[in-house]
């Protein structure tokens, strides 16, 4: 099952990380998880942008044209997938510094399941209010960081004292990656690929 670890990560994360570590899945399984979960924010933001309208708190709700919303949703979908793979590569690459020798599959599992709460935040787009998205997004980010800190020692087979430093390094790299993705979006918008409002 593609989503067989989803509930466990929310109800008993440490035990679920041990289950993931014991049953190392193929890259195909982690990839399927990412491809499916990344659909949530893409579909929800498309629906919110075309049918509900975004409430920024200063004017009437903003709507995007269907073509613009579709292009932005597709871009978001692929951006999220690339982000997970980039985070997995960074985690895999940095592991050598901490005397760990994980496979890329382990690094991908760590990145895929750590990113899950952030992707689930996409459901909040069905109530497209800026303040609500900020609150839910902060909660999703916090839980993703918690999953990373609890999962690193287990999945990457690193002692807890090194695991904390390693996880902090991955969080820092992830934040740099997020800023790079945001900067790329701004550059694309400035080239005329930004949103088109109704």
Protein backbone atom coordinates (compact mmCIF):
# COMPACT_ATOMS: atom_id res chain seq x y z
CA UNK A 1 0.00 0.00 0.00
CA UNK A 2 1.32 3.39 -1.00
CA UNK A 3 0.01 5.25 2.07
CA UNK A 4 0.47 2.48 4.62
CA UNK A 5 2.71 4.63 6.88
CA UNK A 6 0.63 7.79 6.78
CA UNK A 7 -1.49 7.27 9.90
CA UNK A 8 1.43 5.80 11.85
CA UNK A 9 3.52 8.92 11.29
CA UNK A 10 0.78 10.97 12.95
CA UNK A 11 -0.25 8.59 15.74
CA UNK A 12 3.06 6.94 16.77
CA UNK A 13 5.93 8.40 14.73
CA UNK A 14 8.92 6.72 16.43
CA UNK A 15 7.39 3.26 16.13
CA UNK A 16 6.46 3.99 12.51
CA UNK A 17 10.02 5.07 11.70
CA UNK A 18 11.22 1.73 13.11
CA UNK A 19 8.70 -0.07 10.89
CA UNK A 20 9.89 1.87 7.84
CA UNK A 21 13.52 1.10 8.73
CA UNK A 22 12.86 -2.63 9.14
CA UNK A 23 10.96 -2.96 5.86
CA UNK A 24 13.09 -0.78 3.59
CA UNK A 25 10.90 -0.37 0.57
CA UNK A 26 12.09 -0.03 -2.99
CA UNK A 27 12.60 3.42 -4.48
CA UNK A 28 9.39 2.74 -6.42
CA UNK A 29 7.34 2.67 -3.22
CA UNK A 30 8.74 5.94 -1.85
CA UNK A 31 8.35 7.53 -5.27
CA UNK A 32 4.71 6.39 -5.45
CA UNK A 33 4.11 7.93 -2.02
CA UNK A 34 5.59 11.27 -3.11
CA UNK A 35 3.76 11.29 -6.46
CA UNK A 36 0.41 10.65 -4.75
CA UNK A 37 0.81 12.97 -1.74
CA UNK A 38 2.08 15.85 -3.91
CA UNK A 39 -1.26 15.81 -5.72
CA UNK A 40 -3.02 17.09 -2.57
CA UNK A 41 -1.65 20.67 -2.56
CA UNK A 42 -1.71 20.88 -6.36
CA UNK A 43 -5.38 19.87 -6.68
CA UNK A 44 -6.59 21.80 -3.63
CA UNK A 45 -4.89 25.05 -4.66
CA UNK A 46 -6.26 24.71 -8.20
CA UNK A 47 -9.79 24.29 -6.84
CA UNK A 48 -9.35 27.15 -4.36
CA UNK A 49 -7.93 29.48 -7.02
CA UNK A 50 -10.67 28.87 -9.57
CA UNK A 51 -13.80 28.12 -7.53
CA UNK A 52 -13.50 29.57 -4.01
CA UNK A 53 -11.11 32.52 -4.33
CA UNK A 54 -8.22 33.52 -2.10
CA UNK A 55 -9.03 35.87 0.78
CA UNK A 56 -6.00 38.06 1.49
CA UNK A 57 -7.94 40.06 4.07
CA UNK A 58 -7.74 43.38 2.21
CA UNK A 59 -10.15 43.10 -0.71
CA UNK A 60 -12.59 40.78 -2.43
CA UNK A 61 -11.43 37.19 -2.94
CA UNK A 62 -8.97 36.73 -5.81
CA UNK A 63 -9.61 34.18 -8.55
CA UNK A 64 -7.22 32.90 -11.18
CA UNK A 65 -8.18 31.95 -14.71
CA UNK A 66 -8.43 28.18 -15.16
CA UNK A 67 -5.46 28.11 -17.51
CA UNK A 68 -3.26 30.12 -15.14
CA UNK A 69 -4.33 28.04 -12.11
CA UNK A 70 -3.66 24.82 -14.02
CA UNK A 71 -0.18 25.93 -15.05
CA UNK A 72 0.66 27.02 -11.51
CA UNK A 73 -0.70 23.77 -10.02
CA UNK A 74 1.33 21.65 -12.45
CA UNK A 75 4.43 23.72 -11.67
CA UNK A 76 3.80 23.31 -7.95
CA UNK A 77 3.38 19.55 -8.33
CA UNK A 78 6.68 19.07 -10.13
CA UNK A 79 8.43 21.59 -7.86
CA UNK A 80 7.38 19.61 -4.78
CA UNK A 81 8.65 16.35 -6.28
CA UNK A 82 11.97 17.92 -7.28
CA UNK A 83 12.23 19.39 -3.78
CA UNK A 84 11.81 15.98 -2.14
CA UNK A 85 14.46 14.43 -4.40
CA UNK A 86 16.84 17.34 -3.78
CA UNK A 87 16.35 16.96 -0.01
CA UNK A 88 16.95 13.20 -0.30
CA UNK A 89 20.16 13.82 -2.24
CA UNK A 90 21.37 16.38 0.32
CA UNK A 91 20.58 13.97 3.18
CA UNK A 92 22.39 11.15 1.36
CA UNK A 93 25.40 13.35 0.58
CA UNK A 94 25.70 14.80 4.11
CA UNK A 95 25.45 11.39 5.78
CA UNK A 96 29.08 10.64 4.93
CA UNK A 97 30.18 13.54 7.12
CA UNK A 98 28.50 11.84 10.07
CA UNK A 99 30.06 8.40 9.45
CA UNK A 100 26.80 6.96 8.15
CA UNK A 101 26.46 4.91 4.99
CA UNK A 102 22.76 4.92 4.09
CA UNK A 103 21.50 3.91 0.68
CA UNK A 104 19.77 6.51 -1.48
CA UNK A 105 16.54 4.61 -0.81
CA UNK A 106 16.88 5.31 2.92
CA UNK A 107 17.52 9.01 2.23
CA UNK A 108 14.50 9.12 -0.09
CA UNK A 109 12.30 7.45 2.56
CA UNK A 110 13.44 10.03 5.09
CA UNK A 111 12.73 12.94 2.73
CA UNK A 112 9.41 11.55 1.45
CA UNK A 113 7.88 10.78 4.84
CA UNK A 114 9.27 13.93 6.45
CA UNK A 115 7.67 16.07 3.73
CA UNK A 116 4.27 14.39 4.14
CA UNK A 117 2.86 16.83 6.76
CA UNK A 118 3.86 19.77 4.57
CA UNK A 119 2.05 18.24 1.61
CA UNK A 120 -1.01 17.53 3.76
CA UNK A 121 -1.15 21.26 4.55
CA UNK A 122 -2.48 21.55 1.00
CA UNK A 123 -5.88 20.44 2.31
CA UNK A 124 -6.08 23.76 4.14
CA UNK A 125 -6.26 25.48 0.74
CA UNK A 126 -9.90 24.44 0.65
CA UNK A 127 -10.40 27.29 3.12
CA UNK A 128 -8.26 29.78 1.18
CA UNK A 129 -7.65 32.46 3.76
CA UNK A 130 -4.12 33.81 4.15
CA UNK A 131 -4.06 33.78 7.97
CA UNK A 132 -5.48 30.23 8.09
CA UNK A 133 -2.90 28.95 5.60
CA UNK A 134 -0.10 30.58 7.62
CA UNK A 135 -1.22 28.93 10.86
CA UNK A 136 -1.74 25.49 9.30
CA UNK A 137 1.47 25.82 7.29
CA UNK A 138 3.46 26.61 10.43
CA UNK A 139 1.95 23.58 12.17
CA UNK A 140 2.79 21.35 9.17
CA UNK A 141 6.35 22.67 9.01
CA UNK A 142 6.83 22.12 12.75
CA UNK A 143 5.61 18.54 12.52
CA UNK A 144 7.81 17.85 9.50
CA UNK A 145 10.85 19.09 11.45
CA UNK A 146 9.81 16.90 14.39
CA UNK A 147 9.53 13.88 12.08
CA UNK A 148 12.97 14.63 10.68
CA UNK A 149 14.56 14.82 14.14
CA UNK A 150 12.91 11.57 15.25
CA UNK A 151 13.52 9.75 11.96
CA UNK A 152 17.18 10.56 11.30
CA UNK A 153 18.73 8.35 13.99
CA UNK A 154 16.44 5.46 13.05
CA UNK A 155 16.45 5.57 9.24
CA UNK A 156 20.04 6.72 8.77
CA UNK A 157 21.42 4.53 11.60
CA UNK A 158 23.18 7.42 13.30
CA UNK A 159 23.63 7.71 17.10
CA UNK A 160 21.16 10.18 18.63
CA UNK A 161 23.82 12.75 19.62
CA UNK A 162 25.12 12.88 16.02
CA UNK A 163 21.60 12.53 14.69
CA UNK A 164 20.56 15.87 16.21
CA UNK A 165 23.41 17.73 14.48
CA UNK A 166 22.81 15.84 11.24
CA UNK A 167 19.06 16.58 11.33
CA UNK A 168 19.82 20.26 12.02
CA UNK A 169 22.09 20.29 8.96
CA UNK A 170 19.33 18.72 6.84
CA UNK A 171 16.80 21.29 8.14
CA UNK A 172 19.19 24.11 7.21
CA UNK A 173 19.76 22.62 3.75
CA UNK A 174 15.98 22.20 3.37
CA UNK A 175 15.37 25.85 4.23
CA UNK A 176 18.01 26.94 1.70
CA UNK A 177 16.31 24.70 -0.86
CA UNK A 178 12.92 26.27 -0.04
CA UNK A 179 14.32 29.78 -0.50
CA UNK A 180 15.86 28.68 -3.84
CA UNK A 181 12.48 27.35 -5.02
CA UNK A 182 10.76 30.58 -3.97
CA UNK A 183 13.41 32.66 -5.76
CA UNK A 184 12.91 30.53 -8.90
CA UNK A 185 9.16 31.20 -8.72
CA UNK A 186 9.76 34.95 -8.48
CA UNK A 187 12.12 34.85 -11.45
CA UNK A 188 9.57 32.92 -13.51
CA UNK A 189 6.82 35.38 -12.51
CA UNK A 190 9.01 38.31 -13.60
CA UNK A 191 9.43 36.62 -17.00
CA UNK A 192 5.67 36.70 -17.54
CA UNK A 193 4.76 33.27 -16.17
CA UNK A 194 2.96 34.64 -13.12
CA UNK A 195 -0.71 34.30 -12.17
CA UNK A 196 -3.44 35.75 -14.36
CA UNK A 197 -6.46 36.95 -12.39
CA UNK A 198 -10.07 36.84 -13.50
